[in-house]
C-alpha cells in the first residue's frame, strides 16, 4: 500500500469547515481517481488548525504522481478554508494482518 500525506493549515475560524469539506467533497473527488483506495482525515489535538490527510493508493506511481491537493477542483473547494498546504510526503505503508481471535500467546514479544 502507498500513502500520500498532505498537511493543511486552516484559516482561523475555518477548522470545522475545512474538516467537513475534506471529509465530504474532497473524498468524493478522490474516489473518482484511478488507484485511490481510501483515506484518513486527522485533526491535531495540539494544533487544531492542522489537518492531516492520508490518502491510500494501490501503487507508488499513483501515490507520488497524483498531486490531488494541487488540482484546480480541490483548490476551488479548499481555497477559502486553508492558509497553506504545509507539507506533502509519500510513503510505502505496511499494514499488519490482525489476528482474528486476539493476541496469541505463542507469538514472541520484542
N, C-alpha and C. Protein backbone atom coordinates (compact mmCIF):
# COMPACT_ATOMS: atom_id res chain seq x y z
N UNK A 1 0.85 -1.17 0.00
CA UNK A 1 0.00 0.00 0.00
C UNK A 1 0.90 1.24 0.00
N UNK A 2 0.43 2.28 -0.64
CA UNK A 2 1.18 3.52 -0.74
C UNK A 2 0.32 4.67 -0.22
N UNK A 3 0.97 5.61 0.45
CA UNK A 3 0.25 6.68 1.13
C UNK A 3 0.80 8.04 0.70
N UNK A 4 -0.09 8.96 0.45
CA UNK A 4 0.27 10.36 0.24
C UNK A 4 -0.26 11.13 1.43
N UNK A 5 0.65 11.77 2.18
CA UNK A 5 0.28 12.53 3.37
C UNK A 5 0.34 14.02 3.05
N UNK A 6 -0.78 14.70 3.25
CA UNK A 6 -0.87 16.12 2.94
C UNK A 6 -1.33 16.85 4.20
N UNK A 7 -0.53 17.84 4.61
CA UNK A 7 -0.87 18.67 5.78
C UNK A 7 -1.43 20.00 5.31
N UNK A 8 -2.60 20.32 5.83
CA UNK A 8 -3.21 21.62 5.57
C UNK A 8 -3.28 22.39 6.89
N UNK A 9 -3.12 23.70 6.81
CA UNK A 9 -3.35 24.55 7.96
C UNK A 9 -4.54 25.44 7.61
N UNK A 10 -5.58 25.31 8.43
CA UNK A 10 -6.81 26.05 8.13
C UNK A 10 -6.67 27.52 8.50
N UNK A 11 -7.49 28.32 7.87
CA UNK A 11 -7.59 29.72 8.28
C UNK A 11 -8.25 29.75 9.65
N UNK A 12 -7.94 30.76 10.47
CA UNK A 12 -8.60 30.86 11.77
C UNK A 12 -10.12 30.90 11.60
N UNK A 13 -10.81 30.13 12.43
CA UNK A 13 -12.26 30.08 12.39
C UNK A 13 -12.83 29.19 11.30
N UNK A 14 -11.98 28.54 10.52
CA UNK A 14 -12.43 27.69 9.41
C UNK A 14 -12.11 26.22 9.63
N UNK A 15 -11.72 25.84 10.84
CA UNK A 15 -11.28 24.47 11.12
C UNK A 15 -12.38 23.46 10.80
N UNK A 16 -13.54 23.65 11.36
CA UNK A 16 -14.65 22.71 11.14
C UNK A 16 -15.03 22.65 9.66
N UNK A 17 -15.08 23.80 9.02
CA UNK A 17 -15.41 23.85 7.60
C UNK A 17 -14.41 23.09 6.75
N UNK A 18 -13.11 23.21 7.08
CA UNK A 18 -12.08 22.50 6.33
C UNK A 18 -12.22 21.00 6.52
N UNK A 19 -12.37 20.57 7.76
CA UNK A 19 -12.52 19.13 8.02
C UNK A 19 -13.73 18.57 7.28
N UNK A 20 -14.85 19.25 7.36
CA UNK A 20 -16.06 18.77 6.70
C UNK A 20 -15.92 18.75 5.18
N UNK A 21 -15.32 19.77 4.62
CA UNK A 21 -15.14 19.83 3.18
C UNK A 21 -14.24 18.69 2.70
N UNK A 22 -13.16 18.42 3.42
CA UNK A 22 -12.28 17.33 3.03
C UNK A 22 -13.01 16.00 3.15
N UNK A 23 -13.69 15.78 4.28
CA UNK A 23 -14.38 14.50 4.53
C UNK A 23 -15.49 14.24 3.53
N UNK A 24 -16.09 15.27 3.01
CA UNK A 24 -17.23 15.09 2.11
C UNK A 24 -16.82 15.33 0.65
N UNK A 25 -16.60 16.55 0.29
CA UNK A 25 -16.39 16.91 -1.11
C UNK A 25 -15.06 16.42 -1.67
N UNK A 26 -13.97 16.60 -0.94
CA UNK A 26 -12.66 16.19 -1.47
C UNK A 26 -12.59 14.67 -1.59
N UNK A 27 -13.11 13.95 -0.60
CA UNK A 27 -13.09 12.48 -0.69
C UNK A 27 -13.96 11.99 -1.85
N UNK A 28 -15.06 12.65 -2.13
CA UNK A 28 -15.87 12.30 -3.30
C UNK A 28 -15.06 12.48 -4.57
N UNK A 29 -14.30 13.56 -4.65
CA UNK A 29 -13.43 13.82 -5.79
C UNK A 29 -12.37 12.72 -5.92
N UNK A 30 -11.74 12.36 -4.80
CA UNK A 30 -10.68 11.36 -4.82
C UNK A 30 -11.19 9.98 -5.22
N UNK A 31 -12.42 9.66 -4.87
CA UNK A 31 -12.99 8.35 -5.23
C UNK A 31 -13.06 8.15 -6.74
N UNK A 32 -13.01 9.21 -7.48
CA UNK A 32 -13.04 9.13 -8.94
C UNK A 32 -11.65 8.96 -9.55
N UNK A 33 -10.60 9.07 -8.73
CA UNK A 33 -9.22 8.99 -9.22
C UNK A 33 -8.77 7.54 -9.34
N UNK A 34 -8.04 7.25 -10.40
CA UNK A 34 -7.50 5.91 -10.64
C UNK A 34 -6.54 5.51 -9.52
N UNK A 35 -6.77 4.35 -8.92
CA UNK A 35 -5.87 3.82 -7.90
C UNK A 35 -6.17 4.22 -6.48
N UNK A 36 -7.11 5.15 -6.28
CA UNK A 36 -7.44 5.60 -4.92
C UNK A 36 -8.09 4.46 -4.15
N UNK A 37 -7.60 4.23 -2.91
CA UNK A 37 -8.09 3.11 -2.11
C UNK A 37 -8.73 3.52 -0.80
N UNK A 38 -8.71 4.79 -0.45
CA UNK A 38 -9.31 5.25 0.80
C UNK A 38 -8.51 6.38 1.41
N UNK A 39 -8.97 6.86 2.55
CA UNK A 39 -8.31 8.00 3.19
C UNK A 39 -8.62 8.06 4.67
N UNK A 40 -7.74 8.74 5.39
CA UNK A 40 -7.96 9.13 6.78
C UNK A 40 -7.82 10.64 6.85
N UNK A 41 -8.71 11.29 7.56
CA UNK A 41 -8.62 12.72 7.78
C UNK A 41 -8.44 12.91 9.27
N UNK A 42 -7.30 13.49 9.66
CA UNK A 42 -6.98 13.61 11.07
C UNK A 42 -6.79 15.08 11.46
N UNK A 43 -7.35 15.44 12.61
CA UNK A 43 -7.21 16.78 13.15
C UNK A 43 -6.35 16.70 14.41
N UNK A 44 -5.38 17.56 14.50
CA UNK A 44 -4.45 17.55 15.63
C UNK A 44 -5.12 18.05 16.90
N UNK A 45 -4.88 17.35 18.01
CA UNK A 45 -5.36 17.84 19.31
C UNK A 45 -4.54 19.04 19.76
N UNK A 46 -3.26 18.99 19.50
CA UNK A 46 -2.34 20.02 19.97
C UNK A 46 -2.40 21.29 19.12
N UNK A 47 -2.55 21.13 17.81
CA UNK A 47 -2.61 22.25 16.89
C UNK A 47 -3.90 22.14 16.08
N UNK A 48 -5.01 22.63 16.60
CA UNK A 48 -6.33 22.39 15.98
C UNK A 48 -6.44 22.82 14.53
N UNK A 49 -5.64 23.80 14.09
CA UNK A 49 -5.72 24.25 12.69
C UNK A 49 -5.02 23.29 11.73
N UNK A 50 -4.27 22.32 12.25
CA UNK A 50 -3.53 21.37 11.42
C UNK A 50 -4.40 20.16 11.10
N UNK A 51 -4.62 19.94 9.82
CA UNK A 51 -5.39 18.80 9.33
C UNK A 51 -4.46 17.96 8.47
N UNK A 52 -4.34 16.67 8.79
CA UNK A 52 -3.50 15.75 8.03
C UNK A 52 -4.41 14.79 7.28
N UNK A 53 -4.21 14.72 5.97
CA UNK A 53 -5.00 13.83 5.13
C UNK A 53 -4.06 12.75 4.59
N UNK A 54 -4.36 11.51 4.95
CA UNK A 54 -3.61 10.37 4.43
C UNK A 54 -4.47 9.71 3.37
N UNK A 55 -3.99 9.72 2.13
CA UNK A 55 -4.72 9.05 1.05
C UNK A 55 -3.96 7.79 0.68
N UNK A 56 -4.70 6.72 0.45
CA UNK A 56 -4.12 5.41 0.16
C UNK A 56 -4.28 5.09 -1.31
N UNK A 57 -3.19 4.57 -1.90
CA UNK A 57 -3.14 4.30 -3.34
C UNK A 57 -2.57 2.92 -3.58
N UNK A 58 -2.99 2.30 -4.67
CA UNK A 58 -2.52 0.95 -5.00
C UNK A 58 -1.03 0.91 -5.30
N UNK A 59 -0.53 1.88 -6.07
CA UNK A 59 0.87 1.82 -6.50
C UNK A 59 1.64 3.06 -6.06
N UNK A 60 2.96 2.91 -6.05
CA UNK A 60 3.82 4.04 -5.72
C UNK A 60 3.64 5.16 -6.74
N UNK A 61 3.54 4.80 -8.01
CA UNK A 61 3.37 5.80 -9.06
C UNK A 61 2.10 6.62 -8.85
N UNK A 62 1.02 5.97 -8.44
CA UNK A 62 -0.23 6.69 -8.19
C UNK A 62 -0.09 7.62 -6.98
N UNK A 63 0.60 7.17 -5.95
CA UNK A 63 0.77 8.00 -4.74
C UNK A 63 1.68 9.19 -4.99
N UNK A 64 2.77 8.97 -5.72
CA UNK A 64 3.73 10.06 -5.94
C UNK A 64 3.31 10.97 -7.09
N UNK A 65 2.59 10.43 -8.06
CA UNK A 65 2.25 11.22 -9.23
C UNK A 65 0.91 11.91 -9.18
N UNK A 66 0.07 11.54 -8.22
CA UNK A 66 -1.25 12.12 -8.14
C UNK A 66 -1.24 13.31 -7.18
N UNK A 67 -1.00 14.47 -7.68
CA UNK A 67 -0.91 15.69 -6.87
C UNK A 67 -2.31 16.28 -6.69
N UNK A 68 -3.18 15.49 -6.09
CA UNK A 68 -4.59 15.88 -5.96
C UNK A 68 -4.76 17.18 -5.22
N UNK A 69 -3.87 17.46 -4.26
CA UNK A 69 -4.01 18.68 -3.45
C UNK A 69 -3.83 19.95 -4.27
N UNK A 70 -3.20 19.84 -5.47
CA UNK A 70 -2.99 20.98 -6.35
C UNK A 70 -3.99 21.04 -7.50
N UNK A 71 -4.89 20.08 -7.58
CA UNK A 71 -5.87 20.05 -8.66
C UNK A 71 -6.77 21.28 -8.56
N UNK A 72 -7.08 21.91 -9.70
CA UNK A 72 -7.94 23.10 -9.68
C UNK A 72 -9.26 22.87 -8.94
N UNK A 73 -9.87 21.69 -9.10
CA UNK A 73 -11.14 21.41 -8.41
C UNK A 73 -10.96 21.43 -6.90
N UNK A 74 -9.87 20.85 -6.42
CA UNK A 74 -9.60 20.81 -4.96
C UNK A 74 -9.25 22.21 -4.47
N UNK A 75 -8.45 22.93 -5.24
CA UNK A 75 -8.11 24.30 -4.85
C UNK A 75 -9.36 25.18 -4.74
N UNK A 76 -10.30 24.96 -5.64
CA UNK A 76 -11.55 25.72 -5.59
C UNK A 76 -12.35 25.38 -4.33
N UNK A 77 -12.37 24.07 -3.97
CA UNK A 77 -13.09 23.64 -2.78
C UNK A 77 -12.46 24.18 -1.50
N UNK A 78 -11.12 24.16 -1.44
CA UNK A 78 -10.42 24.45 -0.18
C UNK A 78 -9.84 25.86 -0.08
N UNK A 79 -9.77 26.56 -1.18
CA UNK A 79 -9.08 27.86 -1.21
C UNK A 79 -9.49 28.83 -0.12
N UNK A 80 -10.78 28.93 0.16
CA UNK A 80 -11.26 29.88 1.18
C UNK A 80 -11.09 29.35 2.60
N UNK A 81 -10.68 28.08 2.73
CA UNK A 81 -10.60 27.45 4.06
C UNK A 81 -9.18 27.24 4.57
N UNK A 82 -8.19 27.29 3.67
CA UNK A 82 -6.82 27.00 4.11
C UNK A 82 -5.91 28.22 4.01
N UNK A 83 -4.98 28.29 4.97
CA UNK A 83 -3.90 29.27 4.89
C UNK A 83 -2.81 28.74 3.97
N UNK A 84 -2.52 27.44 4.12
CA UNK A 84 -1.41 26.87 3.35
C UNK A 84 -1.51 25.34 3.34
N UNK A 85 -0.98 24.76 2.28
CA UNK A 85 -0.73 23.33 2.25
C UNK A 85 0.72 23.21 2.70
N UNK A 86 0.92 22.79 3.95
CA UNK A 86 2.21 22.90 4.61
C UNK A 86 3.24 21.86 4.19
N UNK A 87 2.80 20.64 3.94
CA UNK A 87 3.76 19.58 3.69
C UNK A 87 3.09 18.45 2.93
N UNK A 88 3.86 17.85 2.01
CA UNK A 88 3.38 16.69 1.26
C UNK A 88 4.50 15.65 1.27
N UNK A 89 4.15 14.42 1.66
CA UNK A 89 5.11 13.31 1.68
C UNK A 89 4.41 12.08 1.13
N UNK A 90 5.18 11.16 0.57
CA UNK A 90 4.62 9.88 0.18
C UNK A 90 5.38 8.77 0.90
N UNK A 91 4.68 7.68 1.16
CA UNK A 91 5.23 6.58 1.94
C UNK A 91 4.80 5.24 1.36
N UNK A 92 5.63 4.24 1.60
CA UNK A 92 5.20 2.87 1.42
C UNK A 92 4.71 2.43 2.78
N UNK A 93 3.54 1.87 2.86
CA UNK A 93 2.95 1.50 4.15
C UNK A 93 2.75 0.00 4.23
N UNK A 94 3.13 -0.56 5.35
CA UNK A 94 2.87 -1.97 5.62
C UNK A 94 1.74 -2.04 6.63
N UNK A 95 0.67 -2.67 6.24
CA UNK A 95 -0.49 -2.80 7.12
C UNK A 95 -0.46 -4.21 7.69
N UNK A 96 -0.30 -4.31 9.01
CA UNK A 96 -0.21 -5.65 9.61
C UNK A 96 -1.54 -6.39 9.52
N UNK A 97 -1.42 -7.68 9.38
CA UNK A 97 -2.61 -8.51 9.40
C UNK A 97 -2.96 -8.78 10.86
N UNK A 98 -4.14 -8.42 11.25
CA UNK A 98 -4.56 -8.58 12.63
C UNK A 98 -5.04 -10.00 12.89
N UNK A 99 -4.67 -10.55 14.04
CA UNK A 99 -5.17 -11.90 14.36
C UNK A 99 -6.69 -11.87 14.53
N UNK A 100 -7.33 -12.93 14.09
CA UNK A 100 -8.80 -12.98 14.15
C UNK A 100 -9.32 -13.16 15.57
N UNK A 101 -8.62 -13.89 16.41
CA UNK A 101 -9.12 -14.20 17.75
C UNK A 101 -8.31 -13.51 18.84
N UNK A 102 -7.73 -12.35 18.56
CA UNK A 102 -6.97 -11.64 19.58
C UNK A 102 -5.50 -12.03 19.54
N UNK A 103 -4.78 -11.72 20.59
CA UNK A 103 -3.35 -11.98 20.67
C UNK A 103 -3.08 -13.42 21.03
N UNK A 104 -2.19 -14.06 20.27
CA UNK A 104 -1.81 -15.43 20.56
C UNK A 104 -0.64 -15.44 21.54
N UNK A 105 -0.63 -16.42 22.42
CA UNK A 105 0.43 -16.50 23.42
C UNK A 105 1.75 -17.00 22.86
N UNK A 106 1.74 -17.71 21.73
CA UNK A 106 2.96 -18.26 21.18
C UNK A 106 3.72 -17.29 20.28
N UNK A 107 3.24 -16.04 20.15
CA UNK A 107 3.93 -15.06 19.35
C UNK A 107 4.99 -14.38 20.22
N UNK A 108 6.27 -14.38 19.77
CA UNK A 108 7.32 -13.77 20.59
C UNK A 108 7.12 -12.27 20.70
N UNK A 109 7.47 -11.71 21.85
CA UNK A 109 7.35 -10.29 22.11
C UNK A 109 8.75 -9.68 21.98
N UNK A 110 8.82 -8.55 21.33
CA UNK A 110 10.13 -7.88 21.14
C UNK A 110 10.61 -7.26 22.43
